[in-house]
Amino acid sequence: MKVGDIVRQCDTLVKMKGRAPSTMLGVVVEMSANDSNRVPPKWRKWLGEHTIAVVWANGRLTENMAERSLEVINDSS
């Protein structure tokens, strides 16, 4: 995953009973490395090595999303 990729939220980390995963698309606008002050090392394998900021199709910005909670739809390369 990199800045510019089109993503959607997936149910890798959280599955909501009776609710399908979101189909809204967004664009990765920022990636920050998880450092030891923000995410405990034992959680990084589960959450991912980066926190991600995404601008969604409705114009909202979501910051600090777990890398593994997003699915790349279209690679920008």
C-alpha atoms as a PDB file:
ATOM      1  CA  MET A   1       0.000   0.000   0.000  1.00  0.00           C
ATOM      2  CA  LYS A   2       1.194   3.516  -0.784  1.00  0.00           C
ATOM      3  CA  VAL A   3      -0.063   7.102  -1.008  1.00  0.00           C
ATOM      4  CA  GLY A   4      -2.491   7.419  -3.925  1.00  0.00           C
ATOM      5  CA  ASP A   5      -3.883   3.877  -3.741  1.00  0.00           C
ATOM      6  CA  ILE A   6      -7.657   3.465  -3.876  1.00  0.00           C
ATOM      7  CA  VAL A   7      -8.860   1.486  -0.845  1.00  0.00           C
ATOM      8  CA  ARG A   8     -11.935   0.334   0.999  1.00  0.00           C
ATOM      9  CA  GLN A   9     -12.356  -0.812   4.549  1.00  0.00           C
ATOM     10  CA  CYS A  10     -12.350  -4.581   4.893  1.00  0.00           C
ATOM     11  CA  ASP A  11     -13.395  -6.915   7.696  1.00  0.00           C
ATOM     12  CA  THR A  12      -9.925  -8.319   8.389  1.00  0.00           C
ATOM     13  CA  LEU A  13      -9.728  -6.843  11.899  1.00  0.00           C
ATOM     14  CA  VAL A  14     -13.367  -6.359  12.900  1.00  0.00           C
ATOM     15  CA  LYS A  15     -16.457  -8.219  11.724  1.00  0.00           C
ATOM     16  CA  MET A  16     -19.740  -6.603  12.648  1.00  0.00           C
ATOM     17  CA  LYS A  17     -22.523  -9.123  13.163  1.00  0.00           C
ATOM     18  CA  GLY A  18     -25.423  -8.473  10.797  1.00  0.00           C
ATOM     19  CA  ARG A  19     -23.561  -5.761   8.892  1.00  0.00           C
ATOM     20  CA  ALA A  20     -21.657  -6.045   5.625  1.00  0.00           C
ATOM     21  CA  PRO A  21     -18.287  -4.302   5.267  1.00  0.00           C
ATOM     22  CA  SER A  22     -18.384  -0.790   3.822  1.00  0.00           C
ATOM     23  CA  THR A  23     -18.220  -0.451   0.044  1.00  0.00           C
ATOM     24  CA  MET A  24     -17.178   3.221   0.100  1.00  0.00           C
ATOM     25  CA  LEU A  25     -13.914   3.937  -1.676  1.00  0.00           C
ATOM     26  CA  GLY A  26     -11.182   6.263  -0.519  1.00  0.00           C
ATOM     27  CA  VAL A  27      -7.684   7.412  -1.417  1.00  0.00           C
ATOM     28  CA  VAL A  28      -4.640   6.970   0.822  1.00  0.00           C
ATOM     29  CA  VAL A  29      -3.269  10.467   1.511  1.00  0.00           C
ATOM     30  CA  GLU A  30      -0.708   9.729   4.222  1.00  0.00           C
ATOM     31  CA  MET A  31       1.153   6.780   5.725  1.00  0.00           C
ATOM     32  CA  SER A  32       3.006   6.980   9.040  1.00  0.00           C
ATOM     33  CA  ALA A  33       5.262   4.306  10.477  1.00  0.00           C
ATOM     34  CA  ASN A  34       4.072   2.812  13.754  1.00  0.00           C
ATOM     35  CA  ASP A  35       6.656   3.680  16.348  1.00  0.00           C
ATOM     36  CA  SER A  36       6.992   2.128  19.784  1.00  0.00           C
ATOM     37  CA  ASN A  37       5.239   5.103  21.427  1.00  0.00           C
ATOM     38  CA  ARG A  38       2.027   4.673  19.433  1.00  0.00           C
ATOM     39  CA  VAL A  39       1.545   0.944  18.892  1.00  0.00           C
ATOM     40  CA  PRO A  40       2.991  -1.840  21.065  1.00  0.00           C
ATOM     41  CA  PRO A  41       5.345  -4.073  19.037  1.00  0.00           C
ATOM     42  CA  LYS A  42       3.266  -7.218  19.682  1.00  0.00           C
ATOM     43  CA  TRP A  43       0.248  -5.563  18.008  1.00  0.00           C
ATOM     44  CA  ARG A  44       2.076  -4.394  14.857  1.00  0.00           C
ATOM     45  CA  LYS A  45       1.877  -7.801  13.176  1.00  0.00           C
ATOM     46  CA  TRP A  46      -1.894  -7.777  13.634  1.00  0.00           C
ATOM     47  CA  LEU A  47      -2.560  -4.072  12.859  1.00  0.00           C
ATOM     48  CA  GLY A  48       0.147  -3.459  10.256  1.00  0.00           C
ATOM     49  CA  GLU A  49       3.373  -1.501  10.133  1.00  0.00           C
ATOM     50  CA  HIS A  50       1.733   1.841   9.262  1.00  0.00           C
ATOM     51  CA  THR A  51      -1.160   4.042  10.282  1.00  0.00           C
ATOM     52  CA  ILE A  52      -3.053   5.364   7.292  1.00  0.00           C
ATOM     53  CA  ALA A  53      -4.989   8.572   6.554  1.00  0.00           C
ATOM     54  CA  VAL A  54      -7.764   8.147   3.963  1.00  0.00           C
ATOM     55  CA  VAL A  55      -9.992  10.674   2.206  1.00  0.00           C
ATOM     56  CA  TRP A  56     -13.277   8.931   1.468  1.00  0.00           C
ATOM     57  CA  ALA A  57     -15.572   9.476  -1.524  1.00  0.00           C
ATOM     58  CA  ASN A  58     -17.901  11.571   0.658  1.00  0.00           C
ATOM     59  CA  GLY A  59     -15.034  13.994   1.417  1.00  0.00           C
ATOM     60  CA  ARG A  60     -14.352  12.895   4.986  1.00  0.00           C
ATOM     61  CA  LEU A  61     -10.806  12.369   6.222  1.00  0.00           C
ATOM     62  CA  THR A  62     -10.100   9.445   8.537  1.00  0.00           C
ATOM     63  CA  GLU A  63      -6.711   9.431  10.230  1.00  0.00           C
ATOM     64  CA  ASN A  64      -4.842   6.715  12.126  1.00  0.00           C
ATOM     65  CA  MET A  65      -6.486   3.726  10.477  1.00  0.00           C
ATOM     66  CA  ALA A  66      -4.772   0.377  10.885  1.00  0.00           C
ATOM     67  CA  GLU A  67      -3.032  -0.687   7.674  1.00  0.00           C
ATOM     68  CA  ARG A  68      -4.560  -4.174   7.805  1.00  0.00           C
ATOM     69  CA  SER A  69      -8.087  -2.747   8.080  1.00  0.00           C
ATOM     70  CA  LEU A  70      -7.882  -1.535   4.467  1.00  0.00           C
ATOM     71  CA  GLU A  71      -7.971  -3.401   1.163  1.00  0.00           C
ATOM     72  CA  VAL A  72      -6.243  -1.944  -1.898  1.00  0.00           C
ATOM     73  CA  ILE A  73      -8.684  -1.830  -4.825  1.00  0.00           C
ATOM     74  CA  ASN A  74      -6.556  -0.152  -7.479  1.00  0.00           C
ATOM     75  CA  ASP A  75      -2.792   0.256  -7.265  1.00  0.00           C
ATOM     76  CA  SER A  76      -1.767   3.786  -8.360  1.00  0.00           C
ATOM     77  CA  SER A  77       1.444   2.663 -10.094  1.00  0.00           C
END
